[in-house]
Amino acid sequence: MKATYPLMAAAALALAACAMPPEDVTEEDLANFDAAVASVGCTLRDERQYQPVELQTGLPRNKVIEIAAYRIDTEDAVRLDEGGVRLLTGSCAPTAQPAEPEAEVPEA
């Protein structure tokens, strides 16, 4: 019986660490958000990005901001140093840079 307590504690910690989507936001809203943000270049920074995302998703500004914060919490987006948020999933996922070929060293 004592072996179950560590398991229950670990499960409780795992559940506590899970980020919950904003209230009244559906999976469809999240998918629409991702598509809308991708359509404006994967970054939400100012009115030029927020307004089209609001129009495409049908969500008010506060919900768009809440979803952006949720995406940061789930590591599906990052906060930018210069302000704003960049989505990192779907078509906004960073592409792997090909490795640069090593310079050939002539044999002496």
C-alpha atoms as a PDB file:
ATOM      1  CA  MET A   1       0.000   0.000   0.000  1.00  0.00           C
ATOM      2  CA  LYS A   2       2.879   2.384   0.752  1.00  0.00           C
ATOM      3  CA  ALA A   3       4.159   2.075  -2.834  1.00  0.00           C
ATOM      4  CA  THR A   4       1.011   3.744  -4.175  1.00  0.00           C
ATOM      5  CA  TYR A   5       1.552   7.025  -2.305  1.00  0.00           C
ATOM      6  CA  PRO A   6       4.588   8.086  -4.373  1.00  0.00           C
ATOM      7  CA  LEU A   7       2.670   7.191  -7.523  1.00  0.00           C
ATOM      8  CA  MET A   8      -0.330   9.243  -6.445  1.00  0.00           C
ATOM      9  CA  ALA A   9       1.898  12.178  -5.525  1.00  0.00           C
ATOM     10  CA  ALA A  10       3.670  12.012  -8.888  1.00  0.00           C
ATOM     11  CA  ALA A  11       0.334  11.887 -10.715  1.00  0.00           C
ATOM     12  CA  ALA A  12      -0.946  14.892  -8.741  1.00  0.00           C
ATOM     13  CA  LEU A  13       2.190  16.883  -9.608  1.00  0.00           C
ATOM     14  CA  ALA A  14       1.875  15.966 -13.277  1.00  0.00           C
ATOM     15  CA  LEU A  15      -1.737  17.125 -13.362  1.00  0.00           C
ATOM     16  CA  ALA A  16      -0.874  20.372 -11.589  1.00  0.00           C
ATOM     17  CA  ALA A  17       1.785  21.115 -14.207  1.00  0.00           C
ATOM     18  CA  CYS A  18      -0.675  20.762 -17.100  1.00  0.00           C
ATOM     19  CA  ALA A  19      -1.783  24.055 -18.554  1.00  0.00           C
ATOM     20  CA  MET A  20      -5.516  24.353 -19.073  1.00  0.00           C
ATOM     21  CA  PRO A  21      -6.955  26.183 -22.078  1.00  0.00           C
ATOM     22  CA  PRO A  22      -8.703  29.449 -21.313  1.00  0.00           C
ATOM     23  CA  GLU A  23     -12.298  29.238 -20.130  1.00  0.00           C
ATOM     24  CA  ASP A  24     -14.881  28.870 -22.920  1.00  0.00           C
ATOM     25  CA  VAL A  25     -12.208  28.103 -25.543  1.00  0.00           C
ATOM     26  CA  THR A  26     -12.775  24.966 -27.623  1.00  0.00           C
ATOM     27  CA  GLU A  27     -10.333  22.786 -29.550  1.00  0.00           C
ATOM     28  CA  GLU A  28     -11.808  24.356 -32.689  1.00  0.00           C
ATOM     29  CA  ASP A  29     -11.002  27.832 -31.322  1.00  0.00           C
ATOM     30  CA  LEU A  30      -7.412  26.724 -30.698  1.00  0.00           C
ATOM     31  CA  ALA A  31      -7.096  25.325 -34.227  1.00  0.00           C
ATOM     32  CA  ASN A  32      -8.606  28.509 -35.702  1.00  0.00           C
ATOM     33  CA  PHE A  33      -6.186  30.592 -33.633  1.00  0.00           C
ATOM     34  CA  ASP A  34      -3.211  28.603 -34.943  1.00  0.00           C
ATOM     35  CA  ALA A  35      -4.381  28.970 -38.555  1.00  0.00           C
ATOM     36  CA  ALA A  36      -5.076  32.686 -38.164  1.00  0.00           C
ATOM     37  CA  VAL A  37      -1.705  33.392 -36.539  1.00  0.00           C
ATOM     38  CA  ALA A  38       0.020  31.413 -39.292  1.00  0.00           C
ATOM     39  CA  SER A  39      -1.780  33.558 -41.875  1.00  0.00           C
ATOM     40  CA  VAL A  40      -0.263  36.751 -40.411  1.00  0.00           C
ATOM     41  CA  GLY A  41       3.293  35.424 -40.362  1.00  0.00           C
ATOM     42  CA  CYS A  42       3.267  33.372 -37.123  1.00  0.00           C
ATOM     43  CA  THR A  43       3.817  36.420 -34.896  1.00  0.00           C
ATOM     44  CA  LEU A  44       1.410  38.504 -32.814  1.00  0.00           C
ATOM     45  CA  ARG A  45       3.007  41.835 -32.055  1.00  0.00           C
ATOM     46  CA  ASP A  46       0.663  44.728 -32.771  1.00  0.00           C
ATOM     47  CA  GLU A  47      -2.656  45.754 -34.308  1.00  0.00           C
ATOM     48  CA  ARG A  48      -1.544  44.608 -37.787  1.00  0.00           C
ATOM     49  CA  GLN A  49      -1.539  41.012 -36.525  1.00  0.00           C
ATOM     50  CA  TYR A  50      -4.151  41.059 -33.757  1.00  0.00           C
ATOM     51  CA  GLN A  51      -7.008  42.499 -35.809  1.00  0.00           C
ATOM     52  CA  PRO A  52      -6.853  39.896 -38.625  1.00  0.00           C
ATOM     53  CA  VAL A  53      -6.571  37.095 -36.041  1.00  0.00           C
ATOM     54  CA  GLU A  54      -9.640  38.446 -34.222  1.00  0.00           C
ATOM     55  CA  LEU A  55     -11.597  38.668 -37.476  1.00  0.00           C
ATOM     56  CA  GLN A  56     -10.573  35.209 -38.691  1.00  0.00           C
ATOM     57  CA  THR A  57     -11.285  33.467 -35.387  1.00  0.00           C
ATOM     58  CA  GLY A  58     -14.323  35.467 -34.311  1.00  0.00           C
ATOM     59  CA  LEU A  59     -12.713  35.817 -30.889  1.00  0.00           C
ATOM     60  CA  PRO A  60     -12.412  39.073 -28.940  1.00  0.00           C
ATOM     61  CA  ARG A  61      -8.957  40.519 -28.213  1.00  0.00           C
ATOM     62  CA  ASN A  62      -8.906  39.289 -24.613  1.00  0.00           C
ATOM     63  CA  LYS A  63      -9.467  35.666 -25.731  1.00  0.00           C
ATOM     64  CA  VAL A  64      -6.752  35.964 -28.389  1.00  0.00           C
ATOM     65  CA  ILE A  65      -4.360  37.199 -25.682  1.00  0.00           C
ATOM     66  CA  GLU A  66      -5.427  34.385 -23.323  1.00  0.00           C
ATOM     67  CA  ILE A  67      -4.870  31.765 -26.027  1.00  0.00           C
ATOM     68  CA  ALA A  68      -1.455  33.246 -26.821  1.00  0.00           C
ATOM     69  CA  ALA A  69      -0.554  32.976 -23.115  1.00  0.00           C
ATOM     70  CA  TYR A  70      -1.833  29.382 -23.068  1.00  0.00           C
ATOM     71  CA  ARG A  71       0.309  28.553 -26.116  1.00  0.00           C
ATOM     72  CA  ILE A  72       3.344  29.988 -24.275  1.00  0.00           C
ATOM     73  CA  ASP A  73       2.505  27.892 -21.184  1.00  0.00           C
ATOM     74  CA  THR A  74       2.323  24.734 -23.315  1.00  0.00           C
ATOM     75  CA  GLU A  75       5.559  25.685 -25.124  1.00  0.00           C
ATOM     76  CA  ASP A  76       3.703  25.933 -28.438  1.00  0.00           C
ATOM     77  CA  ALA A  77       4.756  29.593 -28.625  1.00  0.00           C
ATOM     78  CA  VAL A  78       7.462  31.844 -27.252  1.00  0.00           C
ATOM     79  CA  ARG A  79       7.492  35.389 -25.954  1.00  0.00           C
ATOM     80  CA  LEU A  80       9.665  37.604 -28.144  1.00  0.00           C
ATOM     81  CA  ASP A  81      12.336  39.870 -26.674  1.00  0.00           C
ATOM     82  CA  GLU A  82      11.092  42.806 -28.741  1.00  0.00           C
ATOM     83  CA  GLY A  83       7.506  42.198 -27.609  1.00  0.00           C
ATOM     84  CA  GLY A  84       4.836  39.905 -28.923  1.00  0.00           C
ATOM     85  CA  VAL A  85       4.451  36.167 -29.316  1.00  0.00           C
ATOM     86  CA  ARG A  86       5.664  33.723 -31.965  1.00  0.00           C
ATOM     87  CA  LEU A  87       3.769  30.485 -32.602  1.00  0.00           C
ATOM     88  CA  LEU A  88       5.998  27.393 -32.932  1.00  0.00           C
ATOM     89  CA  THR A  89       3.578  24.719 -34.139  1.00  0.00           C
ATOM     90  CA  GLY A  90       2.112  23.584 -37.439  1.00  0.00           C
ATOM     91  CA  SER A  91       3.221  25.683 -40.376  1.00  0.00           C
ATOM     92  CA  CYS A  92       4.920  28.030 -37.887  1.00  0.00           C
ATOM     93  CA  ALA A  93       7.248  25.323 -36.588  1.00  0.00           C
ATOM     94  CA  PRO A  94      10.895  26.271 -36.979  1.00  0.00           C
ATOM     95  CA  THR A  95      12.595  24.394 -39.764  1.00  0.00           C
ATOM     96  CA  ALA A  96      15.842  22.599 -39.140  1.00  0.00           C
ATOM     97  CA  GLN A  97      18.771  24.352 -40.732  1.00  0.00           C
ATOM     98  CA  PRO A  98      20.899  22.062 -42.863  1.00  0.00           C
ATOM     99  CA  ALA A  99      24.323  21.492 -41.421  1.00  0.00           C
ATOM    100  CA  GLU A 100      27.063  23.436 -43.130  1.00  0.00           C
ATOM    101  CA  PRO A 101      29.487  21.179 -44.937  1.00  0.00           C
ATOM    102  CA  GLU A 102      32.832  20.930 -43.241  1.00  0.00           C
ATOM    103  CA  ALA A 103      35.651  22.638 -45.026  1.00  0.00           C
ATOM    104  CA  GLU A 104      37.989  20.192 -46.650  1.00  0.00           C
ATOM    105  CA  VAL A 105      41.491  20.318 -45.269  1.00  0.00           C
ATOM    106  CA  PRO A 106      44.124  19.523 -47.895  1.00  0.00           C
ATOM    107  CA  GLU A 107      46.422  16.729 -46.910  1.00  0.00           C
ATOM    108  CA  ALA A 108      50.061  17.706 -46.636  1.00  0.00           C
END
